[in-house]
PDB file of N, CA and C in Angstrom:
ATOM      1  N   MET A   1      25.889  34.497 -28.576  1.00  0.00           N
ATOM      2  CA  MET A   1      24.570  34.072 -27.803  1.00  0.00           C
ATOM      3  C   MET A   1      24.924  32.918 -26.882  1.00  0.00           C
ATOM      4  N   ARG A   2      24.372  33.138 -25.610  1.00  0.00           N
ATOM      5  CA  ARG A   2      24.644  32.058 -24.713  1.00  0.00           C
ATOM      6  C   ARG A   2      23.322  31.058 -24.719  1.00  0.00           C
ATOM      7  N   HIS A   3      23.725  29.844 -24.777  1.00  0.00           N
ATOM      8  CA  HIS A   3      22.572  28.760 -24.777  1.00  0.00           C
ATOM      9  C   HIS A   3      22.128  28.484 -23.295  1.00  0.00           C
ATOM     10  N   ARG A   4      20.961  28.642 -23.082  1.00  0.00           N
ATOM     11  CA  ARG A   4      20.365  28.512 -21.689  1.00  0.00           C
ATOM     12  C   ARG A   4      19.850  26.989 -21.727  1.00  0.00           C
ATOM     13  N   ASN A   5      19.908  26.326 -20.678  1.00  0.00           N
ATOM     14  CA  ASN A   5      19.302  25.243 -20.321  1.00  0.00           C
ATOM     15  C   ASN A   5      17.928  25.440 -20.049  1.00  0.00           C
ATOM     16  N   LYS A   6      17.081  24.488 -20.609  1.00  0.00           N
ATOM     17  CA  LYS A   6      15.507  24.596 -20.067  1.00  0.00           C
ATOM     18  C   LYS A   6      15.397  24.192 -18.743  1.00  0.00           C
ATOM     19  N   PHE A   7      16.322  23.497 -18.040  1.00  0.00           N
ATOM     20  CA  PHE A   7      16.167  23.020 -16.667  1.00  0.00           C
ATOM     21  C   PHE A   7      17.043  24.034 -15.759  1.00  0.00           C
ATOM     22  N   SER A   8      17.381  25.241 -16.156  1.00  0.00           N
ATOM     23  CA  SER A   8      18.094  26.056 -15.436  1.00  0.00           C
ATOM     24  C   SER A   8      17.514  26.687 -14.107  1.00  0.00           C
ATOM     25  N   LEU A   9      16.199  26.663 -14.180  1.00  0.00           N
ATOM     26  CA  LEU A   9      15.477  27.047 -13.013  1.00  0.00           C
ATOM     27  C   LEU A   9      15.519  26.068 -11.879  1.00  0.00           C
ATOM     28  N   VAL A  10      15.741  24.622 -12.178  1.00  0.00           N
ATOM     29  CA  VAL A  10      15.878  23.666 -11.121  1.00  0.00           C
ATOM     30  C   VAL A  10      17.100  23.916 -10.486  1.00  0.00           C
ATOM     31  N   ASN A  11      18.202  24.370 -11.094  1.00  0.00           N
ATOM     32  CA  ASN A  11      19.638  24.615 -10.478  1.00  0.00           C
ATOM     33  C   ASN A  11      19.682  25.678  -9.654  1.00  0.00           C
ATOM     34  N   HIS A  12      18.684  26.707  -9.684  1.00  0.00           N
ATOM     35  CA  HIS A  12      18.754  27.711  -8.814  1.00  0.00           C
ATOM     36  C   HIS A  12      17.449  27.949  -8.000  1.00  0.00           C
ATOM     37  N   PRO A  13      17.542  27.371  -6.811  1.00  0.00           N
ATOM     38  CA  PRO A  13      16.462  27.429  -6.003  1.00  0.00           C
ATOM     39  C   PRO A  13      15.908  28.974  -5.588  1.00  0.00           C
ATOM     40  N   SER A  14      16.976  29.794  -5.581  1.00  0.00           N
ATOM     41  CA  SER A  14      16.686  31.186  -5.149  1.00  0.00           C
ATOM     42  C   SER A  14      15.577  31.839  -6.248  1.00  0.00           C
ATOM     43  N   ARG A  15      15.436  31.187  -7.381  1.00  0.00           N
ATOM     44  CA  ARG A  15      14.453  31.820  -8.388  1.00  0.00           C
ATOM     45  C   ARG A  15      13.236  31.155  -8.446  1.00  0.00           C
ATOM     46  N   TRP A  16      13.008  30.294  -7.518  1.00  0.00           N
ATOM     47  CA  TRP A  16      11.785  29.321  -7.315  1.00  0.00           C
ATOM     48  C   TRP A  16      10.667  30.397  -6.870  1.00  0.00           C
ATOM     49  N   PRO A  17       9.403  30.278  -7.354  1.00  0.00           N
ATOM     50  CA  PRO A  17       8.357  31.079  -6.740  1.00  0.00           C
ATOM     51  C   PRO A  17       8.277  30.759  -5.374  1.00  0.00           C
ATOM     52  N   GLU A  18       7.982  31.638  -4.491  1.00  0.00           N
ATOM     53  CA  GLU A  18       7.815  31.345  -3.125  1.00  0.00           C
ATOM     54  C   GLU A  18       6.588  30.747  -2.842  1.00  0.00           C
ATOM     55  N   TYR A  19       6.531  29.633  -2.183  1.00  0.00           N
ATOM     56  CA  TYR A  19       5.506  28.787  -1.762  1.00  0.00           C
ATOM     57  C   TYR A  19       5.637  28.302  -0.488  1.00  0.00           C
ATOM     58  N   ILE A  20       4.868  28.817   0.590  1.00  0.00           N
ATOM     59  CA  ILE A  20       5.047  28.585   1.891  1.00  0.00           C
ATOM     60  C   ILE A  20       3.896  27.741   2.342  1.00  0.00           C
ATOM     61  N   MET A  21       3.995  26.603   3.081  1.00  0.00           N
ATOM     62  CA  MET A  21       3.042  25.696   3.556  1.00  0.00           C
ATOM     63  C   MET A  21       2.036  26.510   4.400  1.00  0.00           C
ATOM     64  N   ALA A  22       2.474  27.575   5.130  1.00  0.00           N
ATOM     65  CA  ALA A  22       1.577  28.087   6.172  1.00  0.00           C
ATOM     66  C   ALA A  22       0.712  29.044   5.253  1.00  0.00           C
ATOM     67  N   HIS A  23       0.903  29.313   4.116  1.00  0.00           N
ATOM     68  CA  HIS A  23      -0.006  30.259   3.204  1.00  0.00           C
ATOM     69  C   HIS A  23      -1.182  29.507   2.675  1.00  0.00           C
ATOM     70  N   ARG A  24      -1.304  28.291   2.925  1.00  0.00           N
ATOM     71  CA  ARG A  24      -2.330  27.370   2.357  1.00  0.00           C
ATOM     72  C   ARG A  24      -3.693  27.710   3.274  1.00  0.00           C
ATOM     73  N   ARG A  25      -4.772  27.764   2.574  1.00  0.00           N
ATOM     74  CA  ARG A  25      -6.095  28.090   3.331  1.00  0.00           C
ATOM     75  C   ARG A  25      -6.515  26.659   4.047  1.00  0.00           C
ATOM     76  N   PRO A  26      -7.200  26.886   5.209  1.00  0.00           N
ATOM     77  CA  PRO A  26      -7.669  25.792   5.929  1.00  0.00           C
ATOM     78  C   PRO A  26      -8.474  24.980   5.028  1.00  0.00           C
ATOM     79  N   ARG A  27      -9.072  25.114   4.027  1.00  0.00           N
ATOM     80  CA  ARG A  27      -9.937  24.300   3.181  1.00  0.00           C
ATOM     81  C   ARG A  27      -8.955  23.455   2.406  1.00  0.00           C
ATOM     82  N   ASP A  28      -7.889  23.890   2.037  1.00  0.00           N
ATOM     83  CA  ASP A  28      -6.933  23.147   1.295  1.00  0.00           C
ATOM     84  C   ASP A  28      -6.382  21.997   2.243  1.00  0.00           C
ATOM     85  N   TRP A  29      -6.120  22.415   3.586  1.00  0.00           N
ATOM     86  CA  TRP A  29      -5.441  21.258   4.390  1.00  0.00           C
ATOM     87  C   TRP A  29      -6.688  20.270   4.754  1.00  0.00           C
ATOM     88  N   LEU A  30      -8.003  20.755   4.890  1.00  0.00           N
ATOM     89  CA  LEU A  30      -9.057  19.849   5.094  1.00  0.00           C
ATOM     90  C   LEU A  30      -9.233  18.935   3.934  1.00  0.00           C
ATOM     91  N   MET A  31      -9.129  19.410   2.703  1.00  0.00           N
ATOM     92  CA  MET A  31      -9.039  18.517   1.710  1.00  0.00           C
ATOM     93  C   MET A  31      -7.896  17.542   1.552  1.00  0.00           C
ATOM     94  N   THR A  32      -6.833  17.914   1.910  1.00  0.00           N
ATOM     95  CA  THR A  32      -5.728  17.041   1.904  1.00  0.00           C
ATOM     96  C   THR A  32      -5.667  15.993   3.010  1.00  0.00           C
ATOM     97  N   ILE A  33      -6.138  16.454   4.092  1.00  0.00           N
ATOM     98  CA  ILE A  33      -6.185  15.462   5.207  1.00  0.00           C
ATOM     99  C   ILE A  33      -7.473  14.506   4.967  1.00  0.00           C
ATOM    100  N   SER A  34      -8.455  14.843   4.427  1.00  0.00           N
ATOM    101  CA  SER A  34      -9.592  13.993   4.312  1.00  0.00           C
ATOM    102  C   SER A  34      -9.330  13.135   3.062  1.00  0.00           C
ATOM    103  N   GLY A  35      -8.476  13.626   2.073  1.00  0.00           N
ATOM    104  CA  GLY A  35      -8.091  12.588   1.036  1.00  0.00           C
ATOM    105  C   GLY A  35      -7.159  11.390   1.607  1.00  0.00           C
ATOM    106  N   ILE A  36      -6.274  11.885   2.515  1.00  0.00           N
ATOM    107  CA  ILE A  36      -5.515  10.733   2.897  1.00  0.00           C
ATOM    108  C   ILE A  36      -6.103   9.880   3.842  1.00  0.00           C
ATOM    109  N   VAL A  37      -7.172  10.417   4.619  1.00  0.00           N
ATOM    110  CA  VAL A  37      -8.059   9.414   5.553  1.00  0.00           C
ATOM    111  C   VAL A  37      -8.779   8.361   4.475  1.00  0.00           C
ATOM    112  N   LEU A  38      -9.248   9.197   3.651  1.00  0.00           N
ATOM    113  CA  LEU A  38     -10.183   8.369   2.622  1.00  0.00           C
ATOM    114  C   LEU A  38      -9.233   7.141   1.936  1.00  0.00           C
ATOM    115  N   LEU A  39      -8.060   7.510   1.534  1.00  0.00           N
ATOM    116  CA  LEU A  39      -7.137   6.365   1.044  1.00  0.00           C
ATOM    117  C   LEU A  39      -7.018   5.160   2.172  1.00  0.00           C
ATOM    118  N   PHE A  40      -6.671   5.677   3.573  1.00  0.00           N
ATOM    119  CA  PHE A  40      -6.653   4.554   4.347  1.00  0.00           C
ATOM    120  C   PHE A  40      -8.002   3.809   4.626  1.00  0.00           C
ATOM    121  N   VAL A  41      -9.125   4.478   4.572  1.00  0.00           N
ATOM    122  CA  VAL A  41     -10.415   3.677   4.752  1.00  0.00           C
ATOM    123  C   VAL A  41     -10.525   2.724   3.563  1.00  0.00           C
ATOM    124  N   VAL A  42     -10.241   3.360   2.355  1.00  0.00           N
ATOM    125  CA  VAL A  42     -10.291   2.290   1.187  1.00  0.00           C
ATOM    126  C   VAL A  42      -9.426   1.150   1.211  1.00  0.00           C
ATOM    127  N   ALA A  43      -8.130   1.381   1.731  1.00  0.00           N
ATOM    128  CA  ALA A  43      -7.103   0.323   1.772  1.00  0.00           C
ATOM    129  C   ALA A  43      -7.759  -0.637   2.751  1.00  0.00           C
ATOM    130  N   ALA A  44      -8.161  -0.064   3.972  1.00  0.00           N
ATOM    131  CA  ALA A  44      -8.722  -1.077   4.930  1.00  0.00           C
ATOM    132  C   ALA A  44      -9.758  -1.826   4.423  1.00  0.00           C
ATOM    133  N   ALA A  45     -10.740  -1.292   3.784  1.00  0.00           N
ATOM    134  CA  ALA A  45     -11.893  -1.923   3.185  1.00  0.00           C
ATOM    135  C   ALA A  45     -11.480  -3.153   2.182  1.00  0.00           C
ATOM    136  N   VAL A  46     -10.478  -2.803   1.391  1.00  0.00           N
ATOM    137  CA  VAL A  46     -10.015  -3.755   0.544  1.00  0.00           C
ATOM    138  C   VAL A  46      -9.497  -4.843   1.038  1.00  0.00           C
ATOM    139  N   ALA A  47      -8.502  -4.634   2.163  1.00  0.00           N
ATOM    140  CA  ALA A  47      -7.867  -5.557   2.877  1.00  0.00           C
ATOM    141  C   ALA A  47      -8.883  -6.601   3.669  1.00  0.00           C
ATOM    142  N   MET A  48      -9.815  -5.928   4.286  1.00  0.00           N
ATOM    143  CA  MET A  48     -10.863  -6.658   5.144  1.00  0.00           C
ATOM    144  C   MET A  48     -11.775  -7.627   3.950  1.00  0.00           C
ATOM    145  N   GLY A  49     -11.953  -7.011   2.851  1.00  0.00           N
ATOM    146  CA  GLY A  49     -12.688  -7.787   1.744  1.00  0.00           C
ATOM    147  C   GLY A  49     -12.123  -8.867   1.269  1.00  0.00           C
ATOM    148  N   TYR A  50     -10.625  -8.525   1.186  1.00  0.00           N
ATOM    149  CA  TYR A  50      -9.883  -9.623   0.540  1.00  0.00           C
ATOM    150  C   TYR A  50      -9.905 -11.030   1.868  1.00  0.00           C
ATOM    151  N   LEU A  51      -9.568 -10.410   3.012  1.00  0.00           N
ATOM    152  CA  LEU A  51      -9.387 -11.645   3.955  1.00  0.00           C
ATOM    153  C   LEU A  51     -10.771 -12.394   4.241  1.00  0.00           C
ATOM    154  N   VAL A  52     -11.814 -11.516   4.064  1.00  0.00           N
ATOM    155  CA  VAL A  52     -13.268 -12.323   4.318  1.00  0.00           C
ATOM    156  C   VAL A  52     -13.436 -13.280   3.138  1.00  0.00           C
ATOM    157  N   THR A  53     -13.090 -12.676   1.878  1.00  0.00           N
ATOM    158  CA  THR A  53     -13.266 -13.634   0.814  1.00  0.00           C
ATOM    159  C   THR A  53     -12.373 -14.851   0.696  1.00  0.00           C
ATOM    160  N   SER A  54     -11.059 -14.584   1.013  1.00  0.00           N
ATOM    161  CA  SER A  54     -10.102 -15.544   0.767  1.00  0.00           C
ATOM    162  C   SER A  54     -10.039 -16.485   1.933  1.00  0.00           C
ATOM    163  N   HIS A  55     -10.495 -16.303   3.099  1.00  0.00           N
ATOM    164  CA  HIS A  55     -10.553 -17.207   4.271  1.00  0.00           C
ATOM    165  C   HIS A  55     -11.929 -17.474   4.815  1.00  0.00           C
ATOM    166  N   PRO A  56     -12.843 -18.073   4.057  1.00  0.00           N
ATOM    167  CA  PRO A  56     -14.219 -18.207   4.626  1.00  0.00           C
ATOM    168  C   PRO A  56     -14.272 -19.278   5.697  1.00  0.00           C
ATOM    169  N   GLY A  57     -15.120 -19.243   6.602  1.00  0.00           N
ATOM    170  CA  GLY A  57     -15.335 -20.297   7.694  1.00  0.00           C
ATOM    171  C   GLY A  57     -14.373 -20.369   8.655  1.00  0.00           C
ATOM    172  N   LYS A  58     -14.505 -21.399   9.388  1.00  0.00           N
ATOM    173  CA  LYS A  58     -13.458 -21.701  10.358  1.00  0.00           C
ATOM    174  C   LYS A  58     -12.173 -22.188   9.879  1.00  0.00           C
ATOM    175  N   PRO A  59     -10.990 -21.857  10.517  1.00  0.00           N
ATOM    176  CA  PRO A  59      -9.899 -22.086  10.041  1.00  0.00           C
ATOM    177  C   PRO A  59      -9.301 -23.624  10.127  1.00  0.00           C
ATOM    178  N   GLU A  60      -8.693 -24.222   9.155  1.00  0.00           N
ATOM    179  CA  GLU A  60      -8.470 -25.722   8.995  1.00  0.00           C
ATOM    180  C   GLU A  60      -7.432 -25.936  10.193  1.00  0.00           C
ATOM    181  N   PRO A  61      -7.694 -27.102  10.765  1.00  0.00           N
ATOM    182  CA  PRO A  61      -6.654 -27.395  11.850  1.00  0.00           C
ATOM    183  C   PRO A  61      -5.255 -27.746  11.366  1.00  0.00           C
ATOM    184  N   ASN A  62      -4.214 -27.253  12.131  1.00  0.00           N
ATOM    185  CA  ASN A  62      -2.838 -27.532  11.671  1.00  0.00           C
ATOM    186  C   ASN A  62      -2.392 -28.702  12.120  1.00  0.00           C
ATOM    187  N   SER A  63      -2.103 -29.586  11.281  1.00  0.00           N
ATOM    188  CA  SER A  63      -1.752 -31.034  11.741  1.00  0.00           C
ATOM    189  C   SER A  63      -0.432 -31.053  12.479  1.00  0.00           C
ATOM    190  N   GLY A  64       0.516 -30.117  12.146  1.00  0.00           N
ATOM    191  CA  GLY A  64       1.742 -29.943  12.687  1.00  0.00           C
ATOM    192  C   GLY A  64       1.629 -29.735  14.087  1.00  0.00           C
ATOM    193  N   ILE A  65       0.666 -28.782  14.668  1.00  0.00           N
ATOM    194  CA  ILE A  65       0.361 -28.244  16.149  1.00  0.00           C
ATOM    195  C   ILE A  65      -0.238 -29.469  16.768  1.00  0.00           C
ATOM    196  N   VAL A  66      -1.063 -30.191  16.071  1.00  0.00           N
ATOM    197  CA  VAL A  66      -1.736 -31.356  16.983  1.00  0.00           C
ATOM    198  C   VAL A  66      -0.616 -32.439  17.061  1.00  0.00           C
ATOM    199  N   GLU A  67       0.328 -32.664  16.200  1.00  0.00           N
ATOM    200  CA  GLU A  67       1.194 -33.766  16.447  1.00  0.00           C
ATOM    201  C   GLU A  67       2.287 -33.207  17.590  1.00  0.00           C
ATOM    202  N   GLU A  68       2.583 -31.783  17.643  1.00  0.00           N
ATOM    203  CA  GLU A  68       3.461 -31.372  18.593  1.00  0.00           C
ATOM    204  C   GLU A  68       2.769 -31.528  20.064  1.00  0.00           C
ATOM    205  N   ARG A  69       1.443 -31.231  20.163  1.00  0.00           N
ATOM    206  CA  ARG A  69       0.821 -31.354  21.406  1.00  0.00           C
ATOM    207  C   ARG A  69       0.913 -32.879  21.857  1.00  0.00           C
ATOM    208  N   ALA A  70       0.565 -33.699  20.805  1.00  0.00           N
ATOM    209  CA  ALA A  70       0.551 -35.021  21.252  1.00  0.00           C
ATOM    210  C   ALA A  70       1.846 -35.361  21.782  1.00  0.00           C
ATOM    211  N   ALA A  71       2.929 -35.158  21.026  1.00  0.00           N
ATOM    212  CA  ALA A  71       4.211 -35.452  21.646  1.00  0.00           C
ATOM    213  C   ALA A  71       4.553 -35.003  22.900  1.00  0.00           C
ATOM    214  N   GLU A  72       4.035 -33.816  23.136  1.00  0.00           N
ATOM    215  CA  GLU A  72       4.444 -33.330  24.585  1.00  0.00           C
ATOM    216  C   GLU A  72       3.609 -33.883  25.761  1.00  0.00           C
ATOM    217  N   ASN A  73       2.440 -34.309  25.349  1.00  0.00           N
ATOM    218  CA  ASN A  73       1.622 -34.959  26.534  1.00  0.00           C
ATOM    219  C   ASN A  73       1.800 -36.560  26.446  1.00  0.00           C
ATOM    220  N   GLY A  74       2.982 -36.944  25.733  1.00  0.00           N
ATOM    221  CA  GLY A  74       3.321 -38.411  25.847  1.00  0.00           C
ATOM    222  C   GLY A  74       2.381 -39.276  25.040  1.00  0.00           C
ATOM    223  N   GLY A  75       1.668 -38.682  24.160  1.00  0.00           N
ATOM    224  CA  GLY A  75       0.667 -39.679  23.468  1.00  0.00           C
ATOM    225  C   GLY A  75       1.379 -40.111  22.366  1.00  0.00           C
TER     226      GLY A  75
END
């Protein structure tokens, strides 16, 4: 008796069930694209929320830039 590997189907792509992307219904594509768009919107919202909450108000002056400008102007 020949022992068969349970992953033998992986090694023989010709035995895979045929699944062609063009056979997907338009509704399937709509769901896929809307899911990806939703992920981008959620990621943008999280990023904006983080930026707004972690950097409130006006930015603090950078003392290094102030010193460089003073040195350039001969001050």
